Amino acid sequence: MAGDNAAVTTSLREVLVAETLKKGTRVTGAERDKLAAELKKRYDSGESIRALAAATGRSYGFIHRILTESGVNLRGRGGATRGKKS
């Protein structure tokens, strides 16, 4: 039951965030600070920028800019890395 409640709370939060972020509207002042804090918390808990963009209805670039402005340490892209040859 606790897992169901968390899922409902998350989806409700996504709906509320999406409603306040109608596409193309400017987000300034205290509203922008509140949004930045929410996105930072969700990004730090493991959500990707693309997932946040989809949930809020905003672009990848918008979310990236908000996170960068709020001082978030962005994760690397991952994938295979090559080490030095021995």
N, C-alpha and C. Protein backbone atom coordinates (compact mmCIF):
# COMPACT_ATOMS: atom_id res chain seq x y z
N MET A 1 0.81 -1.19 0.00
CA MET A 1 0.00 0.00 0.00
C MET A 1 0.85 1.26 0.00
N ALA A 2 1.98 1.24 0.73
CA ALA A 2 2.84 2.42 0.79
C ALA A 2 3.41 2.74 -0.58
N GLY A 3 3.75 1.72 -1.37
CA GLY A 3 4.28 1.94 -2.71
C GLY A 3 3.25 2.58 -3.63
N ASP A 4 1.99 2.16 -3.50
CA ASP A 4 0.91 2.75 -4.30
C ASP A 4 0.73 4.21 -3.96
N ASN A 5 0.81 4.53 -2.68
CA ASN A 5 0.65 5.91 -2.23
C ASN A 5 1.77 6.79 -2.78
N ALA A 6 2.98 6.28 -2.80
CA ALA A 6 4.12 7.04 -3.33
C ALA A 6 3.94 7.29 -4.82
N ALA A 7 3.45 6.30 -5.56
CA ALA A 7 3.23 6.46 -6.99
C ALA A 7 2.16 7.50 -7.27
N VAL A 8 1.10 7.50 -6.48
CA VAL A 8 0.02 8.49 -6.65
C VAL A 8 0.54 9.88 -6.34
N THR A 9 1.33 10.00 -5.27
CA THR A 9 1.89 11.29 -4.90
C THR A 9 2.80 11.81 -5.99
N THR A 10 3.64 10.94 -6.57
CA THR A 10 4.55 11.35 -7.65
C THR A 10 3.78 11.80 -8.87
N SER A 11 2.76 11.04 -9.28
CA SER A 11 2.01 11.42 -10.48
C SER A 11 1.21 12.68 -10.23
N LEU A 12 0.68 12.87 -9.02
CA LEU A 12 -0.04 14.09 -8.70
C LEU A 12 0.90 15.29 -8.75
N ARG A 13 2.11 15.11 -8.25
CA ARG A 13 3.10 16.19 -8.28
C ARG A 13 3.44 16.54 -9.72
N GLU A 14 3.58 15.52 -10.59
CA GLU A 14 3.89 15.77 -12.00
C GLU A 14 2.77 16.54 -12.67
N VAL A 15 1.52 16.22 -12.36
CA VAL A 15 0.39 16.94 -12.94
C VAL A 15 0.40 18.39 -12.48
N LEU A 16 0.65 18.62 -11.19
CA LEU A 16 0.68 19.99 -10.67
C LEU A 16 1.81 20.80 -11.29
N VAL A 17 2.97 20.19 -11.43
CA VAL A 17 4.11 20.88 -12.05
C VAL A 17 3.80 21.19 -13.50
N ALA A 18 3.22 20.24 -14.23
CA ALA A 18 2.90 20.44 -15.64
C ALA A 18 1.86 21.53 -15.81
N GLU A 19 0.89 21.63 -14.89
CA GLU A 19 -0.13 22.66 -14.98
C GLU A 19 0.46 24.04 -14.80
N THR A 20 1.44 24.17 -13.91
CA THR A 20 2.03 25.48 -13.67
C THR A 20 3.04 25.85 -14.75
N LEU A 21 3.43 24.88 -15.59
CA LEU A 21 4.44 25.13 -16.61
C LEU A 21 3.88 25.01 -18.02
N LYS A 22 2.79 25.67 -18.28
CA LYS A 22 2.24 25.62 -19.63
C LYS A 22 3.35 25.96 -20.61
N LYS A 23 3.40 25.21 -21.70
CA LYS A 23 4.48 25.38 -22.67
C LYS A 23 4.55 26.82 -23.16
N GLY A 24 5.74 27.37 -23.10
CA GLY A 24 5.97 28.72 -23.60
C GLY A 24 5.80 29.82 -22.58
N THR A 25 5.30 29.50 -21.39
CA THR A 25 5.13 30.54 -20.37
C THR A 25 6.47 30.82 -19.71
N ARG A 26 6.66 32.05 -19.31
CA ARG A 26 7.88 32.42 -18.61
C ARG A 26 7.77 32.03 -17.14
N VAL A 27 8.87 31.52 -16.62
CA VAL A 27 8.91 31.14 -15.21
C VAL A 27 9.97 32.02 -14.57
N THR A 28 9.51 32.95 -13.70
CA THR A 28 10.44 33.91 -13.12
C THR A 28 10.22 34.04 -11.62
N GLY A 29 11.16 34.69 -10.98
CA GLY A 29 11.04 35.02 -9.56
C GLY A 29 10.95 33.83 -8.64
N ALA A 30 10.05 33.95 -7.67
CA ALA A 30 9.89 32.92 -6.64
C ALA A 30 9.41 31.61 -7.24
N GLU A 31 8.57 31.69 -8.28
CA GLU A 31 8.08 30.48 -8.94
C GLU A 31 9.23 29.70 -9.57
N ARG A 32 10.19 30.42 -10.16
CA ARG A 32 11.35 29.77 -10.77
C ARG A 32 12.23 29.12 -9.71
N ASP A 33 12.40 29.81 -8.59
CA ASP A 33 13.20 29.26 -7.49
C ASP A 33 12.56 28.00 -6.93
N LYS A 34 11.23 28.03 -6.79
CA LYS A 34 10.50 26.86 -6.28
C LYS A 34 10.64 25.70 -7.26
N LEU A 35 10.49 25.98 -8.55
CA LEU A 35 10.63 24.95 -9.58
C LEU A 35 12.05 24.38 -9.57
N ALA A 36 13.05 25.26 -9.47
CA ALA A 36 14.44 24.82 -9.47
C ALA A 36 14.71 23.88 -8.29
N ALA A 37 14.17 24.21 -7.13
CA ALA A 37 14.37 23.37 -5.95
C ALA A 37 13.73 22.00 -6.14
N GLU A 38 12.52 21.97 -6.72
CA GLU A 38 11.82 20.71 -6.95
C GLU A 38 12.58 19.86 -7.98
N LEU A 39 13.00 20.48 -9.08
CA LEU A 39 13.73 19.74 -10.11
C LEU A 39 15.07 19.23 -9.60
N LYS A 40 15.74 20.07 -8.80
CA LYS A 40 17.03 19.66 -8.23
C LYS A 40 16.85 18.44 -7.34
N LYS A 41 15.82 18.44 -6.50
CA LYS A 41 15.55 17.32 -5.60
C LYS A 41 15.28 16.05 -6.41
N ARG A 42 14.48 16.16 -7.45
CA ARG A 42 14.13 14.99 -8.26
C ARG A 42 15.34 14.50 -9.06
N TYR A 43 16.17 15.42 -9.57
CA TYR A 43 17.36 15.03 -10.34
C TYR A 43 18.36 14.34 -9.42
N ASP A 44 18.55 14.90 -8.23
CA ASP A 44 19.48 14.30 -7.27
C ASP A 44 19.02 12.93 -6.79
N SER A 45 17.71 12.68 -6.84
CA SER A 45 17.21 11.38 -6.43
C SER A 45 17.28 10.35 -7.55
N GLY A 46 17.77 10.77 -8.74
CA GLY A 46 18.03 9.80 -9.80
C GLY A 46 17.26 9.98 -11.09
N GLU A 47 16.29 10.89 -11.14
CA GLU A 47 15.55 11.10 -12.39
C GLU A 47 16.45 11.76 -13.43
N SER A 48 16.23 11.42 -14.68
CA SER A 48 17.04 12.01 -15.75
C SER A 48 16.46 13.35 -16.19
N ILE A 49 17.26 14.12 -16.89
CA ILE A 49 16.79 15.39 -17.43
C ILE A 49 15.65 15.14 -18.40
N ARG A 50 15.78 14.10 -19.22
CA ARG A 50 14.72 13.78 -20.18
C ARG A 50 13.42 13.40 -19.48
N ALA A 51 13.51 12.66 -18.39
CA ALA A 51 12.30 12.28 -17.64
C ALA A 51 11.65 13.52 -17.02
N LEU A 52 12.47 14.42 -16.50
CA LEU A 52 11.95 15.65 -15.92
C LEU A 52 11.29 16.52 -16.99
N ALA A 53 11.91 16.57 -18.16
CA ALA A 53 11.34 17.35 -19.27
C ALA A 53 10.00 16.77 -19.68
N ALA A 54 9.91 15.47 -19.77
CA ALA A 54 8.64 14.83 -20.15
C ALA A 54 7.56 15.06 -19.09
N ALA A 55 7.94 14.99 -17.83
CA ALA A 55 6.99 15.15 -16.74
C ALA A 55 6.46 16.58 -16.65
N THR A 56 7.30 17.55 -16.98
CA THR A 56 6.89 18.95 -16.85
C THR A 56 6.36 19.55 -18.14
N GLY A 57 6.58 18.87 -19.26
CA GLY A 57 6.14 19.40 -20.53
C GLY A 57 7.04 20.49 -21.08
N ARG A 58 8.24 20.59 -20.53
CA ARG A 58 9.20 21.58 -21.01
C ARG A 58 10.32 20.88 -21.76
N SER A 59 11.18 21.67 -22.39
CA SER A 59 12.25 21.09 -23.20
C SER A 59 13.42 20.62 -22.33
N TYR A 60 14.23 19.76 -22.94
CA TYR A 60 15.46 19.29 -22.30
C TYR A 60 16.33 20.49 -21.94
N GLY A 61 16.47 21.43 -22.87
CA GLY A 61 17.31 22.61 -22.66
C GLY A 61 16.85 23.46 -21.49
N PHE A 62 15.54 23.62 -21.35
CA PHE A 62 14.98 24.40 -20.24
C PHE A 62 15.34 23.75 -18.91
N ILE A 63 15.13 22.43 -18.81
CA ILE A 63 15.44 21.72 -17.57
C ILE A 63 16.93 21.77 -17.28
N HIS A 64 17.74 21.57 -18.31
CA HIS A 64 19.21 21.62 -18.16
C HIS A 64 19.62 22.99 -17.63
N ARG A 65 19.06 24.05 -18.19
CA ARG A 65 19.40 25.42 -17.78
C ARG A 65 19.00 25.67 -16.33
N ILE A 66 17.80 25.25 -15.96
CA ILE A 66 17.33 25.44 -14.58
C ILE A 66 18.25 24.71 -13.59
N LEU A 67 18.60 23.47 -13.93
CA LEU A 67 19.48 22.70 -13.04
C LEU A 67 20.85 23.34 -12.93
N THR A 68 21.38 23.79 -14.06
CA THR A 68 22.70 24.44 -14.05
C THR A 68 22.67 25.72 -13.22
N GLU A 69 21.62 26.51 -13.38
CA GLU A 69 21.48 27.77 -12.62
C GLU A 69 21.38 27.50 -11.12
N SER A 70 20.79 26.37 -10.75
CA SER A 70 20.63 26.09 -9.33
C SER A 70 21.85 25.37 -8.73
N GLY A 71 22.90 25.20 -9.53
CA GLY A 71 24.16 24.67 -9.01
C GLY A 71 24.24 23.16 -8.90
N VAL A 72 23.40 22.47 -9.64
CA VAL A 72 23.42 21.01 -9.60
C VAL A 72 24.66 20.49 -10.31
N ASN A 73 25.28 19.46 -9.73
CA ASN A 73 26.39 18.77 -10.38
C ASN A 73 25.79 17.75 -11.33
N LEU A 74 25.81 18.02 -12.63
CA LEU A 74 25.17 17.14 -13.60
C LEU A 74 25.96 15.85 -13.76
N ARG A 75 25.22 14.75 -13.91
CA ARG A 75 25.84 13.44 -14.11
C ARG A 75 26.39 13.35 -15.52
N GLY A 76 27.39 12.47 -15.69
CA GLY A 76 27.94 12.22 -17.01
C GLY A 76 26.96 11.41 -17.85
N ARG A 77 27.24 11.29 -19.11
CA ARG A 77 26.35 10.59 -20.01
C ARG A 77 26.44 9.08 -19.87
N GLY A 78 27.50 8.59 -19.27
CA GLY A 78 27.64 7.14 -19.08
C GLY A 78 28.17 6.48 -20.33
N GLY A 79 27.89 5.22 -20.47
CA GLY A 79 28.37 4.49 -21.64
C GLY A 79 29.74 3.90 -21.40
N ALA A 80 30.24 3.23 -22.43
CA ALA A 80 31.55 2.60 -22.33
C ALA A 80 32.65 3.66 -22.31
N THR A 81 33.62 3.41 -21.48
CA THR A 81 34.78 4.30 -21.42
C THR A 81 36.02 3.47 -21.70
N ARG A 82 36.97 4.11 -22.29
CA ARG A 82 38.21 3.40 -22.63
C ARG A 82 39.31 3.83 -21.69
N GLY A 83 39.98 2.87 -21.15
CA GLY A 83 41.10 3.16 -20.28
C GLY A 83 42.39 3.18 -21.09
N LYS A 84 43.48 3.57 -20.47
CA LYS A 84 44.79 3.56 -21.14
C LYS A 84 45.21 2.12 -21.38
N LYS A 85 45.87 1.91 -22.51
CA LYS A 85 46.43 0.57 -22.78
C LYS A 85 47.60 0.31 -21.87
N SER A 86 47.70 -0.91 -21.44
CA SER A 86 48.78 -1.25 -20.50
C SER A 86 50.09 -1.42 -21.22
